[in-house]
């Protein structure tokens, strides 16, 4: 999916956070809804300006961002003792 058709960043909107085009809904906010247990149906019903394609673009954008990052796990407290 070409997420760039749906996601953009504008310094004048939410301090440049990536948002769904035509909305003030940030990628971070939408991912947070899912992290809190919302279903796609709930998100679409509560934010009618979103489309199923825009939701898919949020995830495609997040995947691409994760692929470009390096994450290192920290040792658990039980492993350091």
Protein backbone atom coordinates (compact mmCIF):
# COMPACT_ATOMS: atom_id res chain seq x y z
CA UNK A 1 0.00 0.00 0.00
CA UNK A 2 1.19 3.52 -0.79
CA UNK A 3 0.59 5.17 2.59
CA UNK A 4 1.78 8.52 1.21
CA UNK A 5 -1.61 8.99 -0.44
CA UNK A 6 -3.19 9.08 3.03
CA UNK A 7 -0.56 10.21 5.55
CA UNK A 8 1.28 13.53 5.61
CA UNK A 9 3.07 15.90 7.92
CA UNK A 10 2.46 19.63 8.08
CA UNK A 11 4.32 21.79 10.61
CA UNK A 12 1.14 23.86 11.00
CA UNK A 13 -0.94 20.83 12.05
CA UNK A 14 -0.23 19.11 15.37
CA UNK A 15 3.35 20.41 15.32
CA UNK A 16 4.16 18.33 12.26
CA UNK A 17 3.11 14.94 13.62
CA UNK A 18 2.10 12.53 10.84
CA UNK A 19 -1.65 12.77 10.34
CA UNK A 20 -4.29 11.32 8.08
CA UNK A 21 -4.72 13.80 5.22
CA UNK A 22 -7.78 16.00 5.59
CA UNK A 23 -8.00 15.40 9.35
CA UNK A 24 -6.30 16.41 12.56
CA UNK A 25 -6.03 12.74 13.57
CA UNK A 26 -2.44 11.74 14.13
CA UNK A 27 -1.05 8.31 13.35
CA UNK A 28 -0.01 8.13 17.01
CA UNK A 29 -3.57 8.82 18.18
CA UNK A 30 -5.10 6.20 15.90
CA UNK A 31 -2.55 3.56 16.89
CA UNK A 32 -3.30 4.44 20.51
CA UNK A 33 -6.97 3.68 19.97
CA UNK A 34 -6.06 0.21 18.73
CA UNK A 35 -3.63 -0.26 21.61
CA UNK A 36 -6.53 0.47 23.95
CA UNK A 37 -8.66 -2.25 22.39
CA UNK A 38 -10.70 -0.36 19.82
CA UNK A 39 -11.76 -2.29 16.75
CA UNK A 40 -11.54 -0.92 13.21
CA UNK A 41 -15.33 -0.69 13.19
CA UNK A 42 -15.32 1.44 16.36
CA UNK A 43 -12.67 3.76 14.95
CA UNK A 44 -14.53 4.21 11.67
CA UNK A 45 -17.87 4.78 13.44
CA UNK A 46 -16.42 7.36 15.82
CA UNK A 47 -14.29 9.13 13.21
CA UNK A 48 -16.39 9.15 10.03
CA UNK A 49 -13.80 11.16 8.09
CA UNK A 50 -11.56 8.07 8.14
CA UNK A 51 -11.82 5.34 5.54
CA UNK A 52 -10.75 1.71 5.74
CA UNK A 53 -7.94 2.59 3.32
CA UNK A 54 -6.74 5.39 5.60
CA UNK A 55 -6.62 2.96 8.53
CA UNK A 56 -4.61 0.53 6.46
CA UNK A 57 -2.27 3.39 5.54
CA UNK A 58 -1.71 4.14 9.24
CA UNK A 59 -0.45 0.60 9.74
CA UNK A 60 1.63 0.65 6.54
CA UNK A 61 3.25 3.89 7.71
CA UNK A 62 3.97 2.42 11.15
CA UNK A 63 5.54 -0.69 9.62
CA UNK A 64 7.80 1.38 7.41
CA UNK A 65 8.87 3.51 10.38
CA UNK A 66 9.64 0.41 12.42
CA UNK A 67 11.73 -1.05 9.62
CA UNK A 68 13.92 2.04 9.64
CA UNK A 69 14.56 1.93 13.40
CA UNK A 70 16.86 -0.18 15.52
CA UNK A 71 15.53 -1.31 18.87
CA UNK A 72 17.57 -2.85 21.59
CA UNK A 73 16.08 -4.78 24.44
CA UNK A 74 17.05 -3.87 27.95
CA UNK A 75 17.91 -6.65 30.37
CA UNK A 76 15.23 -7.57 32.87
CA UNK A 77 15.99 -6.74 36.47
CA UNK A 78 16.11 -10.45 37.26
CA UNK A 79 18.81 -10.90 34.61
CA UNK A 80 21.08 -8.21 36.04
CA UNK A 81 21.21 -9.56 39.60
